[in-house]
Amino acid sequence: MSKVQLTKIESYNNIDMIQTSINSMLDNSLLSKKLFDGAKVVIKTNLLMKKKPEQAVTTHPIIIECLANYFVKYNCEVIIADSPAGPFTKASLEGIYEASGMIKAAQNSGAALNYNVSFSEVSPSDSMRLKTFNVIDVVKNADFVISAAKLKTHGMMTFTGAVKNLFGVIPGLIKAEYHFKLMNEENFAHHLIDIERYVKPDYSIIDGIEAMEGNGPSNGIKRNLGVLIGADNAYEADFIACDLVSIAFKLVPTLYLAESRNIFNKNEIVVEGLDYKALNIAPFKLPDSVDLTFLPKKTPAKLKEIIIKKLKAKPEFVHSKCISCGHCKRNCPANVISMVENKPVVNLKDCISCFCCHEVCPADAVNIKKSLLLKLLK
């Protein structure tokens, strides 16, 4: 039977406790019964962009190091991998690995860092949205995949955890192409579920020792939760993480759509270890982009589409903070951002509100601006 396990760990300084917790989680997982000598294990971390561990944007390197230690001990070939935002190149990976502490994590554990930037097209038979999509080869060729996620809010999906973390198996700027093909939240969430169904992660760890609320996943507010979550099922891990911080199930498309596809049942989750409800953690501040005004189910589809479009939040560029790096323009799926005198200008009429620009901005120069109509409805 699959299970979710939680441990209370206040700080990344307590490495022995983190290692003991991860060892216990994996020893009691379904994965432990399948491991074999020489297996290729890919730890799919969340690197997103060039950020330091203390900024709570990326999975902390101590978590990755302890995960790698476990599998190295079992004579596995361990590879730390991700395809962050932006170009999927060796040079880009080198900079992100250095900034995020992954180089040290690999050196300390004996794991390898992935520099293979090749990818292949896959055609999962049960895919509900894109019938074919590209996946980085390091994950495609793995015997086992671990989703090592960060507990954060997300401008488009409300929450990013073990399932959303797997969007990082899509190579580089191809992510923007898929965002544009799947403009609304439910289409994109179905695609994330399709990716998870293809990868089928063998175990999921969510780093919630330091998490992020507000306008995540890169420019939100750091919160110390002191919690590590491990699960056989990625959706169950995400559900417990959301419940922990009071993010409503109906606000997380990857969860309610996965349940509608009979992938998991929130009422059958088995939790072991920490009684997380007893922690009484204050509810997370949600992203400004989240629409809390729910329309009646009988609202005609066309009318609903028009109203939602009017209600959607949009990005707002703060030129005084902008460093003119151009990441927002390069990562814009709808190609609606122009650089005018080295500053971004967005065509809001054609903006799809994916907030990729907000996600990849290294200078926190993109705000999420709620529509006037939505403000009036509050």
Protein backbone atom coordinates (compact mmCIF):
# COMPACT_ATOMS: atom_id res chain seq x y z
CA MET A 1 0.00 0.00 0.00
CA SER A 2 1.31 3.46 -0.87
CA LYS A 3 1.78 5.93 1.97
CA VAL A 4 2.75 9.51 2.76
CA GLN A 5 5.35 10.10 5.47
CA LEU A 6 6.09 13.38 7.23
CA THR A 7 8.94 14.45 9.48
CA LYS A 8 9.45 17.64 11.47
CA ILE A 9 12.90 19.10 10.77
CA GLU A 10 13.49 22.72 11.72
CA SER A 11 16.70 23.44 9.83
CA TYR A 12 18.95 22.24 7.02
CA ASN A 13 21.78 22.35 9.57
CA ASN A 14 20.44 19.13 11.10
CA ILE A 15 21.92 16.95 8.36
CA ASP A 16 21.92 13.76 10.44
CA MET A 17 18.19 14.08 11.08
CA ILE A 18 17.49 14.77 7.41
CA GLN A 19 19.53 11.72 6.38
CA THR A 20 17.81 9.51 8.96
CA SER A 21 14.37 10.75 7.83
CA ILE A 22 15.07 10.18 4.15
CA ASN A 23 16.53 6.73 4.86
CA SER A 24 13.41 5.80 6.82
CA MET A 25 11.07 7.12 4.13
CA LEU A 26 12.81 5.21 1.36
CA ASP A 27 13.28 2.03 3.41
CA ASN A 28 9.51 1.95 3.92
CA SER A 29 8.62 2.83 0.34
CA LEU A 30 7.41 0.64 -2.51
CA LEU A 31 10.58 1.63 -4.35
CA SER A 32 12.80 -0.16 -1.81
CA LYS A 33 11.37 -3.49 -2.98
CA LYS A 34 12.36 -2.80 -6.61
CA LEU A 35 15.89 -1.37 -6.30
CA PHE A 36 18.70 -3.41 -7.79
CA ASP A 37 22.49 -3.25 -7.90
CA GLY A 38 23.75 -0.83 -10.54
CA ALA A 39 20.36 0.77 -11.17
CA LYS A 40 20.39 4.19 -12.82
CA VAL A 41 18.55 6.54 -10.44
CA VAL A 42 17.75 10.07 -11.56
CA ILE A 43 16.98 12.60 -8.82
CA LYS A 44 14.87 15.16 -10.63
CA THR A 45 15.41 18.26 -8.51
CA ASN A 46 13.68 21.64 -8.87
CA LEU A 47 16.28 24.17 -10.00
CA LEU A 48 14.07 26.61 -11.97
CA MET A 49 16.73 29.29 -12.27
CA LYS A 50 20.06 30.57 -10.93
CA LYS A 51 19.18 31.03 -7.26
CA LYS A 52 21.01 30.35 -3.99
CA PRO A 53 19.65 27.66 -1.63
CA GLU A 54 18.70 30.19 1.04
CA GLN A 55 16.28 31.92 -1.36
CA ALA A 56 13.89 28.93 -1.13
CA VAL A 57 13.35 28.80 -4.90
CA THR A 58 15.19 25.53 -5.51
CA THR A 59 15.23 22.18 -3.74
CA HIS A 60 17.85 22.52 -1.02
CA PRO A 61 21.17 20.77 -1.84
CA ILE A 62 21.22 19.01 1.56
CA ILE A 63 17.99 17.20 0.59
CA ILE A 64 19.53 16.15 -2.72
CA GLU A 65 22.79 15.10 -1.06
CA CYS A 66 20.96 12.90 1.47
CA LEU A 67 18.81 11.35 -1.27
CA ALA A 68 21.92 10.61 -3.33
CA ASN A 69 23.69 9.12 -0.28
CA TYR A 70 20.87 6.61 0.11
CA PHE A 71 21.07 5.32 -3.45
CA VAL A 72 24.88 5.39 -3.65
CA LYS A 73 24.87 3.17 -0.55
CA TYR A 74 22.89 0.62 -2.60
CA ASN A 75 25.46 0.74 -5.43
CA CYS A 76 23.20 2.68 -7.75
CA GLU A 77 24.38 5.09 -10.44
CA VAL A 78 22.90 8.37 -9.20
CA ILE A 79 22.37 11.37 -11.48
CA ILE A 80 21.10 14.78 -10.35
CA ALA A 81 19.13 16.38 -13.17
CA ASP A 82 16.74 19.12 -14.22
CA SER A 83 15.95 21.27 -17.24
CA PRO A 84 15.51 24.72 -15.68
CA ALA A 85 13.83 27.70 -17.32
CA GLY A 86 15.70 29.11 -20.30
CA PRO A 87 18.07 27.37 -22.72
CA PHE A 88 18.93 23.73 -21.96
CA THR A 89 22.69 23.95 -22.48
CA LYS A 90 25.77 22.74 -20.64
CA ALA A 91 26.84 26.34 -19.90
CA SER A 92 23.44 27.20 -18.44
CA LEU A 93 23.43 24.05 -16.30
CA GLU A 94 26.92 24.75 -14.97
CA GLY A 95 25.90 28.17 -13.67
CA ILE A 96 22.69 26.91 -12.07
CA TYR A 97 24.37 23.87 -10.48
CA GLU A 98 26.98 26.17 -8.95
CA ALA A 99 24.51 28.75 -7.62
CA SER A 100 22.07 26.17 -6.22
CA GLY A 101 24.70 24.16 -4.36
CA MET A 102 24.27 21.05 -6.51
CA ILE A 103 27.97 20.77 -7.34
CA LYS A 104 28.80 20.36 -3.66
CA ALA A 105 25.86 17.96 -3.16
CA ALA A 106 27.18 15.76 -5.97
CA GLN A 107 30.76 15.86 -4.70
CA ASN A 108 29.76 14.99 -1.14
CA SER A 109 27.53 12.09 -2.13
CA GLY A 110 29.31 10.60 -5.13
CA ALA A 111 26.42 11.38 -7.46
CA ALA A 112 26.89 12.76 -10.98
CA LEU A 113 25.46 16.00 -12.36
CA ASN A 114 23.66 15.68 -15.66
CA TYR A 115 25.19 17.52 -18.61
CA ASN A 116 23.49 15.46 -21.31
CA VAL A 117 21.24 18.00 -23.08
CA SER A 118 19.77 15.59 -25.62
CA PHE A 119 16.05 14.82 -25.67
CA SER A 120 13.59 12.57 -27.48
CA GLU A 121 9.96 12.67 -28.56
CA VAL A 122 7.59 10.35 -26.71
CA SER A 123 4.00 9.36 -27.54
CA PRO A 124 2.20 8.08 -24.43
CA SER A 125 -0.98 6.21 -25.37
CA ASP A 126 -2.94 7.67 -22.43
CA SER A 127 -1.97 11.32 -22.95
CA MET A 128 -5.07 13.56 -22.82
CA ARG A 129 -3.57 16.73 -24.27
CA LEU A 130 -0.34 16.65 -26.30
CA LYS A 131 -0.17 13.28 -28.02
CA THR A 132 3.58 13.69 -28.43
CA PHE A 133 6.03 15.72 -26.39
CA ASN A 134 9.77 15.93 -25.80
CA VAL A 135 11.48 14.54 -22.71
CA ILE A 136 15.14 14.91 -21.70
CA ASP A 137 17.03 11.68 -22.34
CA VAL A 138 18.56 11.42 -18.88
CA VAL A 139 15.06 10.87 -17.45
CA LYS A 140 13.82 8.81 -20.38
CA ASN A 141 16.70 6.35 -19.93
CA ALA A 142 16.53 6.07 -16.13
CA ASP A 143 15.61 2.89 -14.24
CA PHE A 144 14.13 4.92 -11.40
CA VAL A 145 13.12 8.59 -11.08
CA ILE A 146 12.79 10.52 -7.82
CA SER A 147 10.80 13.77 -7.89
CA ALA A 148 12.63 16.00 -5.39
CA ALA A 149 10.40 19.06 -5.26
CA LYS A 150 10.14 22.33 -3.35
CA LEU A 151 6.95 23.33 -1.53
CA LYS A 152 5.91 26.59 -3.19
CA THR A 153 2.96 28.52 -4.52
CA HIS A 154 2.65 29.04 -8.27
CA GLY A 155 1.12 31.89 -10.25
CA MET A 156 -0.70 29.68 -12.77
CA MET A 157 -1.17 26.34 -10.95
CA THR A 158 -1.58 27.80 -7.41
CA PHE A 159 0.80 25.17 -6.03
CA THR A 160 3.99 23.55 -7.27
CA GLY A 161 5.16 20.32 -5.71
CA ALA A 162 5.97 16.77 -6.78
CA VAL A 163 3.78 16.73 -9.92
CA LYS A 164 4.56 20.21 -11.26
CA ASN A 165 8.26 19.53 -10.60
CA LEU A 166 8.17 17.03 -13.47
CA PHE A 167 7.57 19.81 -16.02
CA GLY A 168 11.35 20.11 -15.75
CA VAL A 169 11.73 16.94 -17.84
CA ILE A 170 10.60 19.04 -20.82
CA PRO A 171 13.75 20.51 -22.41
CA GLY A 172 14.55 24.20 -22.13
CA LEU A 173 12.59 26.65 -24.20
CA ILE A 174 10.25 23.95 -25.51
CA LYS A 175 8.38 24.53 -22.25
CA ALA A 176 7.26 27.91 -23.61
CA GLU A 177 5.95 26.25 -26.76
CA TYR A 178 3.83 23.84 -24.71
CA HIS A 179 2.57 26.65 -22.50
CA PHE A 180 1.30 28.45 -25.60
CA LYS A 181 -0.39 25.34 -27.00
CA LEU A 182 -2.14 24.78 -23.66
CA MET A 183 -3.15 28.29 -22.70
CA ASN A 184 -5.71 27.75 -19.95
CA GLU A 185 -5.06 26.28 -16.53
CA GLU A 186 -6.95 23.01 -17.03
CA ASN A 187 -5.28 22.20 -20.36
CA PHE A 188 -1.86 22.87 -18.88
CA ALA A 189 -2.68 20.86 -15.75
CA HIS A 190 -3.77 17.90 -17.88
CA HIS A 191 -0.41 18.13 -19.66
CA LEU A 192 1.40 18.07 -16.32
CA ILE A 193 -0.59 14.98 -15.39
CA ASP A 194 0.28 13.42 -18.76
CA ILE A 195 3.97 14.04 -18.04
CA GLU A 196 3.66 12.48 -14.60
CA ARG A 197 1.86 9.47 -16.10
CA TYR A 198 4.74 9.05 -18.57
CA VAL A 199 7.58 9.50 -16.07
CA LYS A 200 5.82 7.60 -13.26
CA PRO A 201 8.19 8.82 -10.52
CA ASP A 202 9.13 5.98 -8.20
CA TYR A 203 9.16 8.21 -5.14
CA SER A 204 8.48 11.87 -4.35
CA ILE A 205 10.10 14.08 -1.73
CA ILE A 206 8.83 17.60 -1.05
CA ASP A 207 11.25 19.96 0.66
CA GLY A 208 9.09 22.02 3.00
CA ILE A 209 11.75 22.84 5.57
CA GLU A 210 11.84 26.27 4.00
CA ALA A 211 8.95 26.89 1.62
CA MET A 212 7.51 29.78 -0.39
CA GLU A 213 4.10 31.45 -0.21
CA GLY A 214 2.60 34.44 -2.04
CA ASN A 215 3.70 35.09 -5.59
CA GLY A 216 5.80 31.97 -6.09
CA PRO A 217 7.49 30.03 -7.52
CA SER A 218 10.49 32.40 -7.63
CA ASN A 219 9.49 35.77 -6.19
CA GLY A 220 7.26 34.86 -3.26
CA ILE A 221 7.80 35.04 0.49
CA LYS A 222 10.03 32.49 2.24
CA ARG A 223 8.32 30.57 5.05
CA ASN A 224 9.98 28.20 7.50
CA LEU A 225 7.64 25.21 7.80
CA GLY A 226 10.18 22.71 9.10
CA VAL A 227 8.54 19.78 7.30
CA LEU A 228 9.81 17.07 4.95
CA ILE A 229 7.22 15.04 3.00
CA GLY A 230 7.83 11.73 1.26
CA ALA A 231 5.36 9.59 -0.70
CA ASP A 232 5.04 6.70 -3.11
CA ASN A 233 2.40 8.70 -5.03
CA ALA A 234 3.22 12.23 -6.23
CA TYR A 235 -0.41 13.41 -6.05
CA GLU A 236 -0.78 12.17 -2.49
CA ALA A 237 2.39 14.06 -1.53
CA ASP A 238 0.99 17.22 -3.13
CA PHE A 239 -2.41 16.83 -1.49
CA ILE A 240 -0.89 16.54 1.99
CA ALA A 241 1.43 19.50 1.31
CA CYS A 242 -1.54 21.62 0.25
CA ASP A 243 -3.63 20.50 3.22
CA LEU A 244 -0.70 21.33 5.50
CA VAL A 245 -0.73 24.98 4.38
CA SER A 246 -4.51 25.26 3.79
CA ILE A 247 -4.46 25.50 0.00
CA ALA A 248 -7.93 24.39 -1.08
CA PHE A 249 -8.15 21.25 -3.22
CA LYS A 250 -10.39 23.04 -5.77
CA LEU A 251 -7.65 25.63 -6.38
CA VAL A 252 -5.05 23.08 -7.54
CA PRO A 253 -5.89 21.80 -11.06
CA THR A 254 -3.31 19.00 -11.03
CA LEU A 255 -5.06 17.54 -7.99
CA TYR A 256 -8.75 17.82 -8.83
CA LEU A 257 -8.18 16.78 -12.44
CA ALA A 258 -6.01 13.81 -11.41
CA GLU A 259 -8.79 12.67 -9.10
CA SER A 260 -11.32 13.05 -11.93
CA ARG A 261 -9.04 10.79 -14.01
CA ASN A 262 -9.07 8.19 -11.20
CA ILE A 263 -5.31 8.52 -10.67
CA PHE A 264 -5.64 8.98 -6.92
CA ASN A 265 -8.32 9.33 -4.26
CA LYS A 266 -7.77 11.97 -1.60
CA ASN A 267 -9.97 10.03 0.83
CA GLU A 268 -7.76 6.95 0.74
CA ILE A 269 -4.42 8.55 1.63
CA VAL A 270 -2.49 6.81 4.41
CA VAL A 271 -0.29 9.21 6.42
CA GLU A 272 2.47 7.99 8.73
CA GLY A 273 4.80 9.78 11.11
CA LEU A 274 4.04 13.37 11.97
CA ASP A 275 0.48 14.46 12.81
CA TYR A 276 0.70 17.50 10.57
CA LYS A 277 -2.73 18.88 11.52
CA ALA A 278 -1.51 19.29 15.09
CA LEU A 279 1.14 21.74 13.87
CA ASN A 280 -1.56 24.38 13.26
CA ILE A 281 0.41 26.03 10.45
CA ALA A 282 -1.04 29.38 9.41
CA PRO A 283 -2.60 29.27 5.92
CA PHE A 284 -0.33 30.19 3.04
CA LYS A 285 -0.73 33.53 1.34
CA LEU A 286 -1.90 32.67 -2.18
CA PRO A 287 -0.59 34.18 -5.43
CA ASP A 288 -2.31 37.38 -6.52
CA SER A 289 -3.21 35.60 -9.74
CA VAL A 290 -5.49 33.04 -8.06
CA ASP A 291 -9.16 33.61 -8.84
CA LEU A 292 -11.27 33.07 -5.75
CA THR A 293 -14.50 34.13 -7.49
CA PHE A 294 -16.09 30.87 -8.61
CA LEU A 295 -18.81 30.94 -11.26
CA PRO A 296 -21.93 28.77 -11.04
CA LYS A 297 -21.55 25.36 -12.70
CA LYS A 298 -24.42 26.15 -15.08
CA THR A 299 -22.66 29.21 -16.52
CA PRO A 300 -22.55 28.76 -20.35
CA ALA A 301 -19.05 27.81 -21.52
CA LYS A 302 -18.68 30.79 -23.87
CA LEU A 303 -19.81 33.26 -21.22
CA LYS A 304 -17.56 31.61 -18.66
CA GLU A 305 -14.58 31.94 -21.01
CA ILE A 306 -15.28 35.67 -21.56
CA ILE A 307 -15.72 36.38 -17.83
CA ILE A 308 -12.59 34.46 -16.82
CA LYS A 309 -10.57 36.32 -19.45
CA LYS A 310 -11.77 39.61 -17.98
CA LEU A 311 -10.98 38.46 -14.43
CA LYS A 312 -7.49 37.13 -15.08
CA ALA A 313 -4.56 38.89 -13.51
CA LYS A 314 -1.80 40.17 -15.79
CA PRO A 315 1.92 40.86 -15.40
CA GLU A 316 3.10 44.38 -14.65
CA PHE A 317 6.75 45.28 -15.26
CA VAL A 318 8.62 47.43 -12.75
CA HIS A 319 11.25 49.13 -14.92
CA SER A 320 13.06 50.62 -11.93
CA LYS A 321 13.97 47.07 -10.83
CA CYS A 322 14.54 45.65 -14.32
CA ILE A 323 18.12 44.64 -15.17
CA SER A 324 17.39 44.32 -18.92
CA CYS A 325 18.38 40.65 -19.04
CA GLY A 326 15.63 39.74 -21.51
CA HIS A 327 14.68 36.47 -19.74
CA CYS A 328 11.00 37.50 -19.77
CA LYS A 329 10.97 38.02 -23.54
CA ARG A 330 12.84 34.76 -24.28
CA ASN A 331 10.56 32.71 -22.06
CA CYS A 332 7.22 34.26 -23.10
CA PRO A 333 5.10 31.45 -24.63
CA ALA A 334 2.74 33.88 -26.38
CA ASN A 335 5.60 36.05 -27.69
CA VAL A 336 3.86 39.22 -26.50
CA ILE A 337 6.83 40.89 -24.76
CA SER A 338 9.04 43.36 -26.58
CA MET A 339 12.20 45.05 -25.36
CA VAL A 340 11.84 48.81 -25.85
CA GLU A 341 14.94 50.78 -24.91
CA ASN A 342 16.15 47.64 -23.10
CA LYS A 343 12.99 47.42 -20.96
CA PRO A 344 10.12 44.92 -21.38
CA VAL A 345 6.75 46.05 -22.71
CA VAL A 346 3.87 43.56 -22.84
CA ASN A 347 0.87 43.37 -25.15
CA LEU A 348 -1.74 42.63 -22.46
CA LYS A 349 -4.49 41.98 -25.00
CA ASP A 350 -2.77 38.80 -26.20
CA CYS A 351 -1.18 37.85 -22.85
CA ILE A 352 -2.24 34.33 -21.74
CA SER A 353 -1.55 34.94 -18.01
CA CYS A 354 0.88 32.05 -17.66
CA PHE A 355 3.23 34.26 -15.59
CA CYS A 356 6.36 32.70 -17.06
CA CYS A 357 7.85 36.21 -17.12
CA HIS A 358 7.23 36.54 -13.39
CA GLU A 359 8.61 33.05 -12.77
CA VAL A 360 11.93 33.58 -14.55
CA CYS A 361 12.67 37.20 -13.60
CA PRO A 362 15.90 37.24 -11.54
CA ALA A 363 15.29 40.80 -10.28
CA ASP A 364 11.72 40.51 -8.95
CA ALA A 365 10.75 43.14 -11.52
CA VAL A 366 7.41 41.59 -12.55
CA ASN A 367 4.33 42.09 -10.41
CA ILE A 368 1.04 40.22 -10.72
CA LYS A 369 -1.70 42.80 -11.18
CA LYS A 370 -5.31 41.85 -10.50
CA SER A 371 -7.96 43.12 -12.92
CA LEU A 372 -10.15 46.02 -11.84
CA LEU A 373 -13.25 43.83 -12.30
CA LEU A 374 -11.85 41.17 -9.98
CA LYS A 375 -11.07 43.80 -7.35
CA LEU A 376 -14.66 45.07 -7.54
CA LEU A 377 -16.01 41.55 -7.09
CA LYS A 378 -13.99 40.92 -3.91
